Amino acid sequence: MAIRLPSAAKNILRRSASANRRSSISSDVPKGFFPVYVGESEPKRFLVPLSYLNQPLFQDLLSKAEEEFGFDHPMGGLTIPCHEDEFLEVTSRLN
């Protein structure tokens, strides 16, 4: 079953994946997941299931990331500009 993603999500993930391939970060990411960095001053790393990408709530977070950073994320991976508690609240609704 293919996941249909908005073009913004595809571009963000493509950039994130290429940055991860250039670093050692991707070596500890299990298949079916991708890393995101969340937080204001000290970003925390989370592993997110690919299935979240087709969820409207998560797509809203991806839109925030696109607005804030475009497709150039400072952490080398996908950085989501929100507080950790907001991220956890959104992802808890997706389980």
PDB file of N, CA and C in Angstrom:
ATOM      1  N   MET A   1       0.837  -1.166   0.000  1.00  0.00           N
ATOM      2  CA  MET A   1       0.000   0.000   0.000  1.00  0.00           C
ATOM      3  C   MET A   1       0.891   1.241   0.000  1.00  0.00           C
ATOM      4  N   ALA A   2       0.734   2.098  -0.934  1.00  0.00           N
ATOM      5  CA  ALA A   2       1.537   3.310  -1.034  1.00  0.00           C
ATOM      6  C   ALA A   2       0.932   4.412  -0.175  1.00  0.00           C
ATOM      7  N   ILE A   3       1.801   5.250   0.350  1.00  0.00           N
ATOM      8  CA  ILE A   3       1.368   6.399   1.132  1.00  0.00           C
ATOM      9  C   ILE A   3       1.370   7.612   0.219  1.00  0.00           C
ATOM     10  N   ARG A   4       0.259   8.297   0.135  1.00  0.00           N
ATOM     11  CA  ARG A   4       0.167   9.509  -0.679  1.00  0.00           C
ATOM     12  C   ARG A   4       0.497  10.701   0.204  1.00  0.00           C
ATOM     13  N   LEU A   5       1.534  11.427  -0.193  1.00  0.00           N
ATOM     14  CA  LEU A   5       1.991  12.553   0.600  1.00  0.00           C
ATOM     15  C   LEU A   5       1.853  13.854  -0.161  1.00  0.00           C
ATOM     16  N   PRO A   6       1.609  14.932   0.551  1.00  0.00           N
ATOM     17  CA  PRO A   6       1.657  16.235  -0.100  1.00  0.00           C
ATOM     18  C   PRO A   6       3.088  16.502  -0.556  1.00  0.00           C
ATOM     19  N   SER A   7       3.244  17.319  -1.566  1.00  0.00           N
ATOM     20  CA  SER A   7       4.576  17.563  -2.114  1.00  0.00           C
ATOM     21  C   SER A   7       5.522  18.144  -1.074  1.00  0.00           C
ATOM     22  N   ALA A   8       5.028  18.951  -0.160  1.00  0.00           N
ATOM     23  CA  ALA A   8       5.895  19.509   0.885  1.00  0.00           C
ATOM     24  C   ALA A   8       6.500  18.399   1.737  1.00  0.00           C
ATOM     25  N   ALA A   9       5.695  17.418   2.127  1.00  0.00           N
ATOM     26  CA  ALA A   9       6.194  16.309   2.932  1.00  0.00           C
ATOM     27  C   ALA A   9       7.223  15.505   2.151  1.00  0.00           C
ATOM     28  N   LYS A  10       6.980  15.286   0.870  1.00  0.00           N
ATOM     29  CA  LYS A  10       7.938  14.544   0.049  1.00  0.00           C
ATOM     30  C   LYS A  10       9.273  15.273  -0.022  1.00  0.00           C
ATOM     31  N   ASN A  11       9.234  16.585  -0.225  1.00  0.00           N
ATOM     32  CA  ASN A  11      10.468  17.357  -0.326  1.00  0.00           C
ATOM     33  C   ASN A  11      11.234  17.376   0.985  1.00  0.00           C
ATOM     34  N   ILE A  12      10.531  17.551   2.091  1.00  0.00           N
ATOM     35  CA  ILE A  12      11.178  17.556   3.396  1.00  0.00           C
ATOM     36  C   ILE A  12      11.838  16.217   3.660  1.00  0.00           C
ATOM     37  N   LEU A  13      11.128  15.143   3.407  1.00  0.00           N
ATOM     38  CA  LEU A  13      11.685  13.817   3.668  1.00  0.00           C
ATOM     39  C   LEU A  13      12.846  13.500   2.736  1.00  0.00           C
ATOM     40  N   ARG A  14      12.750  13.915   1.496  1.00  0.00           N
ATOM     41  CA  ARG A  14      13.838  13.675   0.544  1.00  0.00           C
ATOM     42  C   ARG A  14      15.105  14.359   1.036  1.00  0.00           C
ATOM     43  N   ARG A  15      14.985  15.614   1.465  1.00  0.00           N
ATOM     44  CA  ARG A  15      16.143  16.351   1.985  1.00  0.00           C
ATOM     45  C   ARG A  15      16.672  15.697   3.259  1.00  0.00           C
ATOM     46  N   SER A  16      15.762  15.314   4.131  1.00  0.00           N
ATOM     47  CA  SER A  16      16.162  14.691   5.391  1.00  0.00           C
ATOM     48  C   SER A  16      16.884  13.377   5.143  1.00  0.00           C
ATOM     49  N   ALA A  17      16.368  12.576   4.234  1.00  0.00           N
ATOM     50  CA  ALA A  17      16.980  11.285   3.941  1.00  0.00           C
ATOM     51  C   ALA A  17      18.368  11.453   3.350  1.00  0.00           C
ATOM     52  N   SER A  18      18.547  12.416   2.457  1.00  0.00           N
ATOM     53  CA  SER A  18      19.863  12.607   1.858  1.00  0.00           C
ATOM     54  C   SER A  18      20.852  13.114   2.897  1.00  0.00           C
ATOM     55  N   ALA A  19      20.421  13.962   3.823  1.00  0.00           N
ATOM     56  CA  ALA A  19      21.308  14.433   4.887  1.00  0.00           C
ATOM     57  C   ALA A  19      21.679  13.283   5.815  1.00  0.00           C
ATOM     58  N   ASN A  20      20.733  12.413   6.107  1.00  0.00           N
ATOM     59  CA  ASN A  20      21.011  11.282   6.986  1.00  0.00           C
ATOM     60  C   ASN A  20      21.970  10.289   6.338  1.00  0.00           C
ATOM     61  N   ARG A  21      21.887  10.117   5.037  1.00  0.00           N
ATOM     62  CA  ARG A  21      22.808   9.217   4.350  1.00  0.00           C
ATOM     63  C   ARG A  21      24.240   9.713   4.439  1.00  0.00           C
ATOM     64  N   ARG A  22      24.423  11.019   4.489  1.00  0.00           N
ATOM     65  CA  ARG A  22      25.763  11.587   4.565  1.00  0.00           C
ATOM     66  C   ARG A  22      26.325  11.520   5.979  1.00  0.00           C
ATOM     67  N   SER A  23      25.514  11.199   6.954  1.00  0.00           N
ATOM     68  CA  SER A  23      25.986  11.150   8.331  1.00  0.00           C
ATOM     69  C   SER A  23      25.783   9.754   8.897  1.00  0.00           C
ATOM     70  N   SER A  24      26.214   9.573  10.124  1.00  0.00           N
ATOM     71  CA  SER A  24      26.033   8.272  10.772  1.00  0.00           C
ATOM     72  C   SER A  24      24.676   8.161  11.443  1.00  0.00           C
ATOM     73  N   ILE A  25      23.867   9.212  11.386  1.00  0.00           N
ATOM     74  CA  ILE A  25      22.564   9.222  12.064  1.00  0.00           C
ATOM     75  C   ILE A  25      21.674   8.088  11.587  1.00  0.00           C
ATOM     76  N   SER A  26      21.666   7.837  10.292  1.00  0.00           N
ATOM     77  CA  SER A  26      20.723   6.865   9.750  1.00  0.00           C
ATOM     78  C   SER A  26      21.013   5.436  10.173  1.00  0.00           C
ATOM     79  N   SER A  27      22.200   5.157  10.702  1.00  0.00           N
ATOM     80  CA  SER A  27      22.543   3.789  11.060  1.00  0.00           C
ATOM     81  C   SER A  27      21.707   3.246  12.211  1.00  0.00           C
ATOM     82  N   ASP A  28      21.141   4.099  13.032  1.00  0.00           N
ATOM     83  CA  ASP A  28      20.353   3.620  14.156  1.00  0.00           C
ATOM     84  C   ASP A  28      18.852   3.877  13.991  1.00  0.00           C
ATOM     85  N   VAL A  29      18.419   4.104  12.762  1.00  0.00           N
ATOM     86  CA  VAL A  29      17.007   4.322  12.488  1.00  0.00           C
ATOM     87  C   VAL A  29      16.428   3.038  11.893  1.00  0.00           C
ATOM     88  N   PRO A  30      15.485   2.406  12.595  1.00  0.00           N
ATOM     89  CA  PRO A  30      14.898   1.164  12.081  1.00  0.00           C
ATOM     90  C   PRO A  30      14.079   1.423  10.812  1.00  0.00           C
ATOM     91  N   LYS A  31      13.981   0.398  10.011  1.00  0.00           N
ATOM     92  CA  LYS A  31      13.180   0.491   8.797  1.00  0.00           C
ATOM     93  C   LYS A  31      11.736   0.837   9.169  1.00  0.00           C
ATOM     94  N   GLY A  32      11.142   1.747   8.396  1.00  0.00           N
ATOM     95  CA  GLY A  32       9.766   2.158   8.658  1.00  0.00           C
ATOM     96  C   GLY A  32       9.645   3.381   9.547  1.00  0.00           C
ATOM     97  N   PHE A  33      10.782   3.957   9.928  1.00  0.00           N
ATOM     98  CA  PHE A  33      10.802   5.135  10.788  1.00  0.00           C
ATOM     99  C   PHE A  33      11.702   6.194  10.172  1.00  0.00           C
ATOM    100  N   PHE A  34      11.563   7.433  10.659  1.00  0.00           N
ATOM    101  CA  PHE A  34      12.486   8.493  10.286  1.00  0.00           C
ATOM    102  C   PHE A  34      12.681   9.407  11.491  1.00  0.00           C
ATOM    103  N   PRO A  35      13.867   9.996  11.616  1.00  0.00           N
ATOM    104  CA  PRO A  35      14.137  10.854  12.769  1.00  0.00           C
ATOM    105  C   PRO A  35      13.614  12.261  12.560  1.00  0.00           C
ATOM    106  N   VAL A  36      13.127  12.849  13.631  1.00  0.00           N
ATOM    107  CA  VAL A  36      12.759  14.263  13.637  1.00  0.00           C
ATOM    108  C   VAL A  36      13.367  14.882  14.891  1.00  0.00           C
ATOM    109  N   TYR A  37      13.631  16.179  14.807  1.00  0.00           N
ATOM    110  CA  TYR A  37      14.149  16.927  15.940  1.00  0.00           C
ATOM    111  C   TYR A  37      13.084  17.934  16.343  1.00  0.00           C
ATOM    112  N   VAL A  38      12.764  17.941  17.640  1.00  0.00           N
ATOM    113  CA  VAL A  38      11.669  18.765  18.147  1.00  0.00           C
ATOM    114  C   VAL A  38      12.160  19.534  19.366  1.00  0.00           C
ATOM    115  N   GLY A  39      11.797  20.791  19.406  1.00  0.00           N
ATOM    116  CA  GLY A  39      12.125  21.605  20.565  1.00  0.00           C
ATOM    117  C   GLY A  39      12.718  22.923  20.153  1.00  0.00           C
ATOM    118  N   GLU A  40      12.663  23.862  21.050  1.00  0.00           N
ATOM    119  CA  GLU A  40      13.114  25.217  20.765  1.00  0.00           C
ATOM    120  C   GLU A  40      14.619  25.373  21.004  1.00  0.00           C
ATOM    121  N   SER A  41      15.049  25.353  22.243  1.00  0.00           N
ATOM    122  CA  SER A  41      16.453  25.648  22.541  1.00  0.00           C
ATOM    123  C   SER A  41      17.353  24.416  22.402  1.00  0.00           C
ATOM    124  N   GLU A  42      16.923  23.299  22.893  1.00  0.00           N
ATOM    125  CA  GLU A  42      17.701  22.056  22.840  1.00  0.00           C
ATOM    126  C   GLU A  42      16.842  20.979  22.180  1.00  0.00           C
ATOM    127  N   PRO A  43      16.873  20.888  20.834  1.00  0.00           N
ATOM    128  CA  PRO A  43      16.000  19.925  20.146  1.00  0.00           C
ATOM    129  C   PRO A  43      16.266  18.479  20.582  1.00  0.00           C
ATOM    130  N   LYS A  44      15.194  17.750  20.748  1.00  0.00           N
ATOM    131  CA  LYS A  44      15.259  16.341  21.132  1.00  0.00           C
ATOM    132  C   LYS A  44      14.915  15.497  19.914  1.00  0.00           C
ATOM    133  N   ARG A  45      15.589  14.387  19.753  1.00  0.00           N
ATOM    134  CA  ARG A  45      15.390  13.509  18.606  1.00  0.00           C
ATOM    135  C   ARG A  45      14.321  12.459  18.914  1.00  0.00           C
ATOM    136  N   PHE A  46      13.393  12.279  17.968  1.00  0.00           N
ATOM    137  CA  PHE A  46      12.349  11.263  18.058  1.00  0.00           C
ATOM    138  C   PHE A  46      12.377  10.431  16.786  1.00  0.00           C
ATOM    139  N   LEU A  47      12.035   9.171  16.906  1.00  0.00           N
ATOM    140  CA  LEU A  47      11.844   8.313  15.735  1.00  0.00           C
ATOM    141  C   LEU A  47      10.352   8.196  15.492  1.00  0.00           C
ATOM    142  N   VAL A  48       9.949   8.557  14.288  1.00  0.00           N
ATOM    143  CA  VAL A  48       8.533   8.635  13.945  1.00  0.00           C
ATOM    144  C   VAL A  48       8.213   7.583  12.888  1.00  0.00           C
ATOM    145  N   PRO A  49       7.129   6.834  13.063  1.00  0.00           N
ATOM    146  CA  PRO A  49       6.737   5.855  12.038  1.00  0.00           C
ATOM    147  C   PRO A  49       6.340   6.548  10.737  1.00  0.00           C
ATOM    148  N   LEU A  50       6.707   5.958   9.628  1.00  0.00           N
ATOM    149  CA  LEU A  50       6.338   6.505   8.323  1.00  0.00           C
ATOM    150  C   LEU A  50       4.830   6.632   8.171  1.00  0.00           C
ATOM    151  N   SER A  51       4.073   5.809   8.865  1.00  0.00           N
ATOM    152  CA  SER A  51       2.604   5.857   8.761  1.00  0.00           C
ATOM    153  C   SER A  51       2.034   7.201   9.208  1.00  0.00           C
ATOM    154  N   TYR A  52       2.780   7.968  10.019  1.00  0.00           N
ATOM    155  CA  TYR A  52       2.309   9.287  10.452  1.00  0.00           C
ATOM    156  C   TYR A  52       2.232  10.277   9.298  1.00  0.00           C
ATOM    157  N   LEU A  53       2.956  10.010   8.244  1.00  0.00           N
ATOM    158  CA  LEU A  53       3.032  10.971   7.138  1.00  0.00           C
ATOM    159  C   LEU A  53       1.706  11.192   6.433  1.00  0.00           C
ATOM    160  N   ASN A  54       0.807  10.234   6.516  1.00  0.00           N
ATOM    161  CA  ASN A  54      -0.491  10.429   5.860  1.00  0.00           C
ATOM    162  C   ASN A  54      -1.558  10.926   6.827  1.00  0.00           C
ATOM    163  N   GLN A  55      -1.158  11.311   8.030  1.00  0.00           N
ATOM    164  CA  GLN A  55      -2.090  11.820   9.040  1.00  0.00           C
ATOM    165  C   GLN A  55      -2.163  13.350   8.971  1.00  0.00           C
ATOM    166  N   PRO A  56      -3.355  13.926   8.852  1.00  0.00           N
ATOM    167  CA  PRO A  56      -3.484  15.392   8.758  1.00  0.00           C
ATOM    168  C   PRO A  56      -2.832  16.157   9.908  1.00  0.00           C
ATOM    169  N   LEU A  57      -2.925  15.644  11.131  1.00  0.00           N
ATOM    170  CA  LEU A  57      -2.309  16.346  12.267  1.00  0.00           C
ATOM    171  C   LEU A  57      -0.792  16.424  12.108  1.00  0.00           C
ATOM    172  N   PHE A  58      -0.188  15.342  11.653  1.00  0.00           N
ATOM    173  CA  PHE A  58       1.259  15.344  11.457  1.00  0.00           C
ATOM    174  C   PHE A  58       1.637  16.195  10.251  1.00  0.00           C
ATOM    175  N   GLN A  59       0.800  16.190   9.241  1.00  0.00           N
ATOM    176  CA  GLN A  59       1.060  17.030   8.065  1.00  0.00           C
ATOM    177  C   GLN A  59       1.050  18.511   8.439  1.00  0.00           C
ATOM    178  N   ASP A  60       0.249  18.889   9.430  1.00  0.00           N
ATOM    179  CA  ASP A  60       0.271  20.268   9.918  1.00  0.00           C
ATOM    180  C   ASP A  60       1.643  20.611  10.510  1.00  0.00           C
ATOM    181  N   LEU A  61       2.224  19.667  11.251  1.00  0.00           N
ATOM    182  CA  LEU A  61       3.561  19.891  11.799  1.00  0.00           C
ATOM    183  C   LEU A  61       4.592  20.012  10.673  1.00  0.00           C
ATOM    184  N   LEU A  62       4.436  19.199   9.635  1.00  0.00           N
ATOM    185  CA  LEU A  62       5.357  19.282   8.494  1.00  0.00           C
ATOM    186  C   LEU A  62       5.236  20.627   7.787  1.00  0.00           C
ATOM    187  N   SER A  63       4.031  21.144   7.713  1.00  0.00           N
ATOM    188  CA  SER A  63       3.839  22.468   7.103  1.00  0.00           C
ATOM    189  C   SER A  63       4.539  23.550   7.910  1.00  0.00           C
ATOM    190  N   LYS A  64       4.473  23.433   9.249  1.00  0.00           N
ATOM    191  CA  LYS A  64       5.190  24.382  10.106  1.00  0.00           C
ATOM    192  C   LYS A  64       6.691  24.308   9.839  1.00  0.00           C
ATOM    193  N   ALA A  65       7.194  23.092   9.694  1.00  0.00           N
ATOM    194  CA  ALA A  65       8.621  22.905   9.428  1.00  0.00           C
ATOM    195  C   ALA A  65       9.009  23.538   8.094  1.00  0.00           C
ATOM    196  N   GLU A  66       8.159  23.359   7.099  1.00  0.00           N
ATOM    197  CA  GLU A  66       8.438  23.952   5.781  1.00  0.00           C
ATOM    198  C   GLU A  66       8.430  25.476   5.858  1.00  0.00           C
ATOM    199  N   GLU A  67       7.457  26.042   6.563  1.00  0.00           N
ATOM    200  CA  GLU A  67       7.368  27.500   6.693  1.00  0.00           C
ATOM    201  C   GLU A  67       8.582  28.072   7.421  1.00  0.00           C
ATOM    202  N   GLU A  68       9.017  27.380   8.465  1.00  0.00           N
ATOM    203  CA  GLU A  68      10.113  27.880   9.295  1.00  0.00           C
ATOM    204  C   GLU A  68      11.477  27.719   8.628  1.00  0.00           C
ATOM    205  N   PHE A  69      11.717  26.548   8.033  1.00  0.00           N
ATOM    206  CA  PHE A  69      13.048  26.223   7.539  1.00  0.00           C
ATOM    207  C   PHE A  69      13.127  26.045   6.034  1.00  0.00           C
ATOM    208  N   GLY A  70      11.997  26.023   5.349  1.00  0.00           N
ATOM    209  CA  GLY A  70      12.034  25.637   3.934  1.00  0.00           C
ATOM    210  C   GLY A  70      12.449  24.181   3.871  1.00  0.00           C
ATOM    211  N   PHE A  71      13.387  23.874   3.016  1.00  0.00           N
ATOM    212  CA  PHE A  71      13.851  22.489   2.928  1.00  0.00           C
ATOM    213  C   PHE A  71      15.292  22.364   3.386  1.00  0.00           C
ATOM    214  N   ASP A  72      15.778  23.339   4.140  1.00  0.00           N
ATOM    215  CA  ASP A  72      17.137  23.328   4.655  1.00  0.00           C
ATOM    216  C   ASP A  72      17.066  23.300   6.174  1.00  0.00           C
ATOM    217  N   HIS A  73      17.138  22.115   6.752  1.00  0.00           N
ATOM    218  CA  HIS A  73      16.975  21.966   8.185  1.00  0.00           C
ATOM    219  C   HIS A  73      18.323  22.000   8.884  1.00  0.00           C
ATOM    220  N   PRO A  74      18.462  22.817   9.922  1.00  0.00           N
ATOM    221  CA  PRO A  74      19.748  23.019  10.574  1.00  0.00           C
ATOM    222  C   PRO A  74      20.330  21.776  11.255  1.00  0.00           C
ATOM    223  N   MET A  75      19.516  20.834  11.655  1.00  0.00           N
ATOM    224  CA  MET A  75      20.016  19.651  12.352  1.00  0.00           C
ATOM    225  C   MET A  75      20.443  18.553  11.381  1.00  0.00           C
ATOM    226  N   GLY A  76      20.289  18.775  10.081  1.00  0.00           N
ATOM    227  CA  GLY A  76      20.649  17.745   9.119  1.00  0.00           C
ATOM    228  C   GLY A  76      19.528  16.752   8.889  1.00  0.00           C
ATOM    229  N   GLY A  77      18.519  16.794   9.693  1.00  0.00           N
ATOM    230  CA  GLY A  77      17.349  15.943   9.553  1.00  0.00           C
ATOM    231  C   GLY A  77      16.125  16.838   9.571  1.00  0.00           C
ATOM    232  N   LEU A  78      15.009  16.266   9.766  1.00  0.00           N
ATOM    233  CA  LEU A  78      13.758  17.022   9.796  1.00  0.00           C
ATOM    234  C   LEU A  78      13.601  17.674  11.166  1.00  0.00           C
ATOM    235  N   THR A  79      13.550  18.994  11.189  1.00  0.00           N
ATOM    236  CA  THR A  79      13.370  19.747  12.429  1.00  0.00           C
ATOM    237  C   THR A  79      11.961  20.317  12.443  1.00  0.00           C
ATOM    238  N   ILE A  80      11.221  20.009  13.497  1.00  0.00           N
ATOM    239  CA  ILE A  80       9.843  20.497  13.619  1.00  0.00           C
ATOM    240  C   ILE A  80       9.831  21.600  14.677  1.00  0.00           C
ATOM    241  N   PRO A  81       9.470  22.821  14.271  1.00  0.00           N
ATOM    242  CA  PRO A  81       9.526  23.958  15.180  1.00  0.00           C
ATOM    243  C   PRO A  81       8.310  24.057  16.094  1.00  0.00           C
ATOM    244  N   CYS A  82       8.302  23.253  17.126  1.00  0.00           N
ATOM    245  CA  CYS A  82       7.241  23.346  18.127  1.00  0.00           C
ATOM    246  C   CYS A  82       7.822  22.863  19.445  1.00  0.00           C
ATOM    247  N   HIS A  83       7.087  23.086  20.508  1.00  0.00           N
ATOM    248  CA  HIS A  83       7.515  22.601  21.818  1.00  0.00           C
ATOM    249  C   HIS A  83       7.337  21.090  21.869  1.00  0.00           C
ATOM    250  N   GLU A  84       8.178  20.463  22.641  1.00  0.00           N
ATOM    251  CA  GLU A  84       8.139  19.011  22.772  1.00  0.00           C
ATOM    252  C   GLU A  84       6.776  18.514  23.243  1.00  0.00           C
ATOM    253  N   ASP A  85       6.156  19.214  24.186  1.00  0.00           N
ATOM    254  CA  ASP A  85       4.853  18.782  24.697  1.00  0.00           C
ATOM    255  C   ASP A  85       3.769  18.844  23.622  1.00  0.00           C
ATOM    256  N   GLU A  86       3.841  19.843  22.736  1.00  0.00           N
ATOM    257  CA  GLU A  86       2.894  19.926  21.620  1.00  0.00           C
ATOM    258  C   GLU A  86       3.086  18.743  20.666  1.00  0.00           C
ATOM    259  N   PHE A  87       4.334  18.434  20.375  1.00  0.00           N
ATOM    260  CA  PHE A  87       4.656  17.295  19.490  1.00  0.00           C
ATOM    261  C   PHE A  87       4.126  15.999  20.107  1.00  0.00           C
ATOM    262  N   LEU A  88       4.371  15.796  21.384  1.00  0.00           N
ATOM    263  CA  LEU A  88       3.916  14.573  22.062  1.00  0.00           C
ATOM    264  C   LEU A  88       2.400  14.479  22.098  1.00  0.00           C
ATOM    265  N   GLU A  89       1.737  15.611  22.271  1.00  0.00           N
ATOM    266  CA  GLU A  89       0.277  15.625  22.260  1.00  0.00           C
ATOM    267  C   GLU A  89      -0.271  15.214  20.879  1.00  0.00           C
ATOM    268  N   VAL A  90       0.313  15.779  19.826  1.00  0.00           N
ATOM    269  CA  VAL A  90      -0.128  15.450  18.465  1.00  0.00           C
ATOM    270  C   VAL A  90       0.120  13.982  18.171  1.00  0.00           C
ATOM    271  N   THR A  91       1.331  13.501  18.456  1.00  0.00           N
ATOM    272  CA  THR A  91       1.650  12.104  18.132  1.00  0.00           C
ATOM    273  C   THR A  91       0.870  11.117  18.985  1.00  0.00           C
ATOM    274  N   SER A  92       0.502  11.504  20.203  1.00  0.00           N
ATOM    275  CA  SER A  92      -0.291  10.583  21.037  1.00  0.00           C
ATOM    276  C   SER A  92      -1.683  10.378  20.456  1.00  0.00           C
ATOM    277  N   ARG A  93      -2.183  11.361  19.709  1.00  0.00           N
ATOM    278  CA  ARG A  93      -3.487  11.223  19.073  1.00  0.00           C
ATOM    279  C   ARG A  93      -3.425  10.331  17.839  1.00  0.00           C
ATOM    280  N   LEU A  94      -2.228  10.086  17.333  1.00  0.00           N
ATOM    281  CA  LEU A  94      -2.083   9.299  16.096  1.00  0.00           C
ATOM    282  C   LEU A  94      -1.922   7.810  16.378  1.00  0.00           C
ATOM    283  N   ASN A  95      -1.673   7.434  17.607  1.00  0.00           N
ATOM    284  CA  ASN A  95      -1.453   6.007  17.941  1.00  0.00           C
ATOM    285  C   ASN A  95      -2.730   5.232  17.995  1.00  0.00           C
TER     286      ASN A  95
END
